[in-house]
Amino acid sequence: MADASNSSADCGLEPHDYLEVKFFLISVAGSLIGLFGLFGNASTALILTRPAMRNPNNLFLTALAVFDSCLLITAFFIYAMEYIIEYTRAFDLYVAWLTYLR
């Protein structure tokens, strides 16, 4: 116990070689795809809820757009946040995030 330093080599938290690729593919590109999906779902819901467009089929499609938006938001918070935290090495934020998810 001569050296009690808390370096990343001691705790085994070395960054992966592919961390930047994973960050950009999942966090950045995935978030952009999710934003386009949210925009598409919002425009679909707005168009299909107009009085002239109200019928049972369009009500089903509107509900599908709303729940797809919920899925996109949930996927962002589950997948993208994990890689954002790992890339920025904000592990105290990761502990808070895991505490919130439980």
N, C-alpha and C. Protein backbone atom coordinates (compact mmCIF):
# COMPACT_ATOMS: atom_id res chain seq x y z
N MET A 1 0.82 -1.18 0.00
CA MET A 1 0.00 0.00 0.00
C MET A 1 0.87 1.25 0.00
N ALA A 2 1.94 1.21 -0.70
CA ALA A 2 2.81 2.37 -0.77
C ALA A 2 2.18 3.48 -1.60
N ASP A 3 1.51 3.10 -2.67
CA ASP A 3 0.90 4.11 -3.54
C ASP A 3 -0.60 3.88 -3.57
N ALA A 4 -1.34 4.75 -2.93
CA ALA A 4 -2.80 4.61 -2.85
C ALA A 4 -3.50 5.58 -3.79
N SER A 5 -2.87 5.84 -4.93
CA SER A 5 -3.49 6.78 -5.87
C SER A 5 -4.69 6.13 -6.54
N ASN A 6 -5.57 6.95 -7.02
CA ASN A 6 -6.82 6.48 -7.61
C ASN A 6 -6.81 6.72 -9.11
N SER A 7 -5.82 6.20 -9.80
CA SER A 7 -5.76 6.41 -11.24
C SER A 7 -6.65 5.42 -11.96
N SER A 8 -6.90 5.70 -13.23
CA SER A 8 -7.78 4.82 -14.00
C SER A 8 -7.15 3.46 -14.25
N ALA A 9 -5.83 3.37 -14.20
CA ALA A 9 -5.17 2.08 -14.38
C ALA A 9 -5.40 1.18 -13.18
N ASP A 10 -5.54 1.76 -11.99
CA ASP A 10 -5.76 0.97 -10.79
C ASP A 10 -7.17 0.37 -10.74
N CYS A 11 -8.14 1.12 -11.21
CA CYS A 11 -9.51 0.63 -11.09
C CYS A 11 -10.00 -0.07 -12.35
N GLY A 12 -9.20 -0.15 -13.38
CA GLY A 12 -9.58 -0.88 -14.58
C GLY A 12 -10.56 -0.16 -15.47
N LEU A 13 -10.61 1.15 -15.41
CA LEU A 13 -11.54 1.90 -16.24
C LEU A 13 -10.82 2.61 -17.37
N GLU A 14 -10.10 1.85 -18.15
CA GLU A 14 -9.42 2.41 -19.30
C GLU A 14 -10.44 2.62 -20.43
N PRO A 15 -10.35 3.74 -21.14
CA PRO A 15 -11.29 3.95 -22.25
C PRO A 15 -11.04 2.95 -23.38
N HIS A 16 -12.10 2.56 -24.04
CA HIS A 16 -12.00 1.62 -25.15
C HIS A 16 -11.35 2.29 -26.35
N ASP A 17 -10.80 1.48 -27.24
CA ASP A 17 -10.23 2.01 -28.47
C ASP A 17 -11.31 2.57 -29.38
N TYR A 18 -12.48 2.00 -29.30
CA TYR A 18 -13.58 2.39 -30.18
C TYR A 18 -14.60 3.28 -29.47
N LEU A 19 -14.19 3.94 -28.40
CA LEU A 19 -15.11 4.77 -27.62
C LEU A 19 -15.63 5.96 -28.43
N GLU A 20 -14.75 6.61 -29.19
CA GLU A 20 -15.19 7.75 -29.99
C GLU A 20 -16.15 7.33 -31.09
N VAL A 21 -15.88 6.21 -31.73
CA VAL A 21 -16.77 5.71 -32.78
C VAL A 21 -18.13 5.37 -32.19
N LYS A 22 -18.12 4.69 -31.06
CA LYS A 22 -19.37 4.32 -30.39
C LYS A 22 -20.14 5.56 -29.96
N PHE A 23 -19.43 6.56 -29.47
CA PHE A 23 -20.08 7.80 -29.04
C PHE A 23 -20.75 8.49 -30.22
N PHE A 24 -20.04 8.63 -31.34
CA PHE A 24 -20.62 9.34 -32.47
C PHE A 24 -21.73 8.55 -33.15
N LEU A 25 -21.59 7.23 -33.24
CA LEU A 25 -22.64 6.44 -33.89
C LEU A 25 -23.91 6.37 -33.06
N ILE A 26 -23.77 6.10 -31.78
CA ILE A 26 -24.95 5.89 -30.95
C ILE A 26 -25.48 7.20 -30.39
N SER A 27 -24.62 8.02 -29.84
CA SER A 27 -25.10 9.23 -29.18
C SER A 27 -25.44 10.34 -30.17
N VAL A 28 -24.54 10.62 -31.10
CA VAL A 28 -24.78 11.74 -32.00
C VAL A 28 -25.71 11.34 -33.14
N ALA A 29 -25.34 10.30 -33.90
CA ALA A 29 -26.18 9.90 -35.04
C ALA A 29 -27.52 9.36 -34.57
N GLY A 30 -27.52 8.57 -33.51
CA GLY A 30 -28.78 8.04 -32.98
C GLY A 30 -29.70 9.13 -32.47
N SER A 31 -29.12 10.15 -31.85
CA SER A 31 -29.94 11.26 -31.37
C SER A 31 -30.52 12.07 -32.52
N LEU A 32 -29.74 12.26 -33.58
CA LEU A 32 -30.27 12.96 -34.76
C LEU A 32 -31.40 12.17 -35.41
N ILE A 33 -31.24 10.88 -35.52
CA ILE A 33 -32.31 10.04 -36.08
C ILE A 33 -33.54 10.11 -35.19
N GLY A 34 -33.33 10.10 -33.88
CA GLY A 34 -34.44 10.22 -32.95
C GLY A 34 -35.16 11.56 -33.07
N LEU A 35 -34.39 12.65 -33.27
CA LEU A 35 -35.01 13.96 -33.45
C LEU A 35 -35.83 14.02 -34.73
N PHE A 36 -35.32 13.43 -35.81
CA PHE A 36 -36.10 13.37 -37.04
C PHE A 36 -37.36 12.55 -36.83
N GLY A 37 -37.26 11.48 -36.07
CA GLY A 37 -38.43 10.66 -35.77
C GLY A 37 -39.46 11.42 -34.95
N LEU A 38 -38.98 12.19 -33.96
CA LEU A 38 -39.90 12.99 -33.16
C LEU A 38 -40.60 14.05 -34.01
N PHE A 39 -39.85 14.68 -34.89
CA PHE A 39 -40.44 15.68 -35.79
C PHE A 39 -41.48 15.04 -36.71
N GLY A 40 -41.15 13.89 -37.26
CA GLY A 40 -42.10 13.18 -38.13
C GLY A 40 -43.35 12.74 -37.39
N ASN A 41 -43.18 12.24 -36.18
CA ASN A 41 -44.34 11.81 -35.39
C ASN A 41 -45.21 13.00 -34.98
N ALA A 42 -44.58 14.12 -34.63
CA ALA A 42 -45.35 15.30 -34.25
C ALA A 42 -46.14 15.84 -35.44
N SER A 43 -45.50 15.89 -36.60
CA SER A 43 -46.23 16.38 -37.78
C SER A 43 -47.34 15.42 -38.18
N THR A 44 -47.11 14.12 -38.05
CA THR A 44 -48.16 13.14 -38.34
C THR A 44 -49.33 13.31 -37.39
N ALA A 45 -49.05 13.46 -36.11
CA ALA A 45 -50.12 13.63 -35.13
C ALA A 45 -50.90 14.92 -35.37
N LEU A 46 -50.20 16.00 -35.72
CA LEU A 46 -50.89 17.26 -35.98
C LEU A 46 -51.78 17.18 -37.21
N ILE A 47 -51.31 16.53 -38.24
CA ILE A 47 -52.11 16.41 -39.47
C ILE A 47 -53.31 15.50 -39.26
N LEU A 48 -53.10 14.38 -38.59
CA LEU A 48 -54.18 13.40 -38.45
C LEU A 48 -55.22 13.78 -37.42
N THR A 49 -54.95 14.80 -36.60
CA THR A 49 -55.96 15.21 -35.61
C THR A 49 -56.79 16.41 -36.08
N ARG A 50 -56.61 16.84 -37.31
CA ARG A 50 -57.46 17.90 -37.86
C ARG A 50 -58.88 17.37 -37.99
N PRO A 51 -59.86 18.25 -37.85
CA PRO A 51 -61.26 17.79 -37.89
C PRO A 51 -61.64 17.03 -39.16
N ALA A 52 -61.09 17.42 -40.29
CA ALA A 52 -61.44 16.73 -41.54
C ALA A 52 -60.82 15.34 -41.63
N MET A 53 -59.79 15.09 -40.82
CA MET A 53 -59.07 13.82 -40.90
C MET A 53 -59.46 12.84 -39.80
N ARG A 54 -60.42 13.19 -38.97
CA ARG A 54 -60.76 12.33 -37.83
C ARG A 54 -61.61 11.15 -38.27
N ASN A 55 -61.04 9.98 -38.13
CA ASN A 55 -61.75 8.71 -38.31
C ASN A 55 -60.99 7.66 -37.49
N PRO A 56 -61.56 6.48 -37.31
CA PRO A 56 -60.90 5.48 -36.45
C PRO A 56 -59.50 5.08 -36.91
N ASN A 57 -59.28 4.98 -38.20
CA ASN A 57 -57.95 4.60 -38.69
C ASN A 57 -56.91 5.67 -38.36
N ASN A 58 -57.27 6.93 -38.55
CA ASN A 58 -56.33 8.00 -38.25
C ASN A 58 -56.11 8.16 -36.75
N LEU A 59 -57.11 7.85 -35.96
CA LEU A 59 -56.94 7.86 -34.51
C LEU A 59 -55.91 6.81 -34.09
N PHE A 60 -55.98 5.64 -34.71
CA PHE A 60 -55.00 4.59 -34.44
C PHE A 60 -53.60 5.04 -34.85
N LEU A 61 -53.48 5.67 -36.02
CA LEU A 61 -52.17 6.14 -36.48
C LEU A 61 -51.62 7.26 -35.59
N THR A 62 -52.50 8.10 -35.08
CA THR A 62 -52.07 9.15 -34.16
C THR A 62 -51.55 8.55 -32.85
N ALA A 63 -52.27 7.56 -32.34
CA ALA A 63 -51.81 6.88 -31.12
C ALA A 63 -50.47 6.19 -31.36
N LEU A 64 -50.30 5.61 -32.54
CA LEU A 64 -49.04 4.97 -32.89
C LEU A 64 -47.90 5.99 -32.92
N ALA A 65 -48.15 7.17 -33.47
CA ALA A 65 -47.13 8.22 -33.52
C ALA A 65 -46.78 8.70 -32.11
N VAL A 66 -47.77 8.83 -31.25
CA VAL A 66 -47.51 9.28 -29.87
C VAL A 66 -46.67 8.26 -29.12
N PHE A 67 -47.03 6.99 -29.21
CA PHE A 67 -46.28 5.98 -28.48
C PHE A 67 -44.91 5.72 -29.10
N ASP A 68 -44.77 5.93 -30.40
CA ASP A 68 -43.46 5.83 -31.02
C ASP A 68 -42.56 6.96 -30.51
N SER A 69 -43.12 8.13 -30.31
CA SER A 69 -42.35 9.25 -29.74
C SER A 69 -41.90 8.92 -28.32
N CYS A 70 -42.76 8.29 -27.55
CA CYS A 70 -42.37 7.87 -26.20
C CYS A 70 -41.23 6.87 -26.25
N LEU A 71 -41.27 5.96 -27.20
CA LEU A 71 -40.20 4.98 -27.36
C LEU A 71 -38.89 5.65 -27.77
N LEU A 72 -38.96 6.62 -28.66
CA LEU A 72 -37.75 7.33 -29.09
C LEU A 72 -37.11 8.09 -27.92
N ILE A 73 -37.92 8.73 -27.11
CA ILE A 73 -37.39 9.47 -25.96
C ILE A 73 -36.77 8.51 -24.95
N THR A 74 -37.44 7.39 -24.70
CA THR A 74 -36.91 6.39 -23.77
C THR A 74 -35.60 5.80 -24.28
N ALA A 75 -35.54 5.50 -25.57
CA ALA A 75 -34.31 4.95 -26.14
C ALA A 75 -33.16 5.94 -26.02
N PHE A 76 -33.44 7.22 -26.20
CA PHE A 76 -32.38 8.22 -26.03
C PHE A 76 -31.84 8.19 -24.61
N PHE A 77 -32.73 8.18 -23.64
CA PHE A 77 -32.27 8.23 -22.25
C PHE A 77 -31.60 6.93 -21.82
N ILE A 78 -31.93 5.83 -22.42
CA ILE A 78 -31.30 4.57 -22.02
C ILE A 78 -29.97 4.37 -22.73
N TYR A 79 -29.93 4.55 -24.04
CA TYR A 79 -28.72 4.23 -24.80
C TYR A 79 -27.77 5.41 -24.94
N ALA A 80 -28.26 6.53 -25.40
CA ALA A 80 -27.36 7.65 -25.69
C ALA A 80 -26.74 8.22 -24.43
N MET A 81 -27.50 8.34 -23.36
CA MET A 81 -26.96 8.91 -22.13
C MET A 81 -25.81 8.08 -21.57
N GLU A 82 -25.90 6.76 -21.70
CA GLU A 82 -24.83 5.90 -21.21
C GLU A 82 -23.51 6.19 -21.92
N TYR A 83 -23.57 6.35 -23.24
CA TYR A 83 -22.34 6.59 -23.99
C TYR A 83 -21.86 8.03 -23.86
N ILE A 84 -22.77 8.96 -23.67
CA ILE A 84 -22.36 10.35 -23.42
C ILE A 84 -21.59 10.43 -22.11
N ILE A 85 -22.10 9.76 -21.09
CA ILE A 85 -21.43 9.77 -19.79
C ILE A 85 -20.08 9.07 -19.87
N GLU A 86 -20.01 7.95 -20.59
CA GLU A 86 -18.75 7.23 -20.73
C GLU A 86 -17.73 8.05 -21.51
N TYR A 87 -18.18 8.76 -22.54
CA TYR A 87 -17.27 9.56 -23.37
C TYR A 87 -16.73 10.76 -22.60
N THR A 88 -17.60 11.41 -21.82
CA THR A 88 -17.16 12.58 -21.07
C THR A 88 -16.51 12.21 -19.74
N ARG A 89 -16.56 10.95 -19.37
CA ARG A 89 -15.98 10.42 -18.15
C ARG A 89 -16.55 11.10 -16.90
N ALA A 90 -17.83 11.43 -16.95
CA ALA A 90 -18.52 12.03 -15.81
C ALA A 90 -19.19 10.91 -15.02
N PHE A 91 -18.40 10.17 -14.26
CA PHE A 91 -18.91 8.98 -13.60
C PHE A 91 -19.83 9.31 -12.43
N ASP A 92 -19.70 10.50 -11.83
CA ASP A 92 -20.66 10.88 -10.80
C ASP A 92 -22.04 11.09 -11.40
N LEU A 93 -22.08 11.59 -12.64
CA LEU A 93 -23.35 11.71 -13.36
C LEU A 93 -23.91 10.32 -13.68
N TYR A 94 -23.02 9.37 -13.97
CA TYR A 94 -23.45 8.00 -14.26
C TYR A 94 -24.09 7.35 -13.03
N VAL A 95 -23.50 7.59 -11.86
CA VAL A 95 -24.07 7.05 -10.62
C VAL A 95 -25.44 7.67 -10.37
N ALA A 96 -25.56 8.97 -10.58
CA ALA A 96 -26.86 9.63 -10.41
C ALA A 96 -27.87 9.09 -11.42
N TRP A 97 -27.42 8.83 -12.63
CA TRP A 97 -28.30 8.30 -13.68
C TRP A 97 -28.79 6.90 -13.33
N LEU A 98 -27.90 6.05 -12.86
CA LEU A 98 -28.31 4.70 -12.48
C LEU A 98 -29.24 4.72 -11.27
N THR A 99 -29.00 5.63 -10.34
CA THR A 99 -29.89 5.76 -9.18
C THR A 99 -31.27 6.19 -9.63
N TYR A 100 -31.34 7.08 -10.60
CA TYR A 100 -32.63 7.55 -11.11
C TYR A 100 -33.37 6.42 -11.84
N LEU A 101 -32.65 5.59 -12.58
CA LEU A 101 -33.29 4.52 -13.35
C LEU A 101 -33.88 3.43 -12.46
N ARG A 102 -33.34 3.27 -11.28
CA ARG A 102 -33.85 2.23 -10.39
C ARG A 102 -35.10 2.72 -9.77
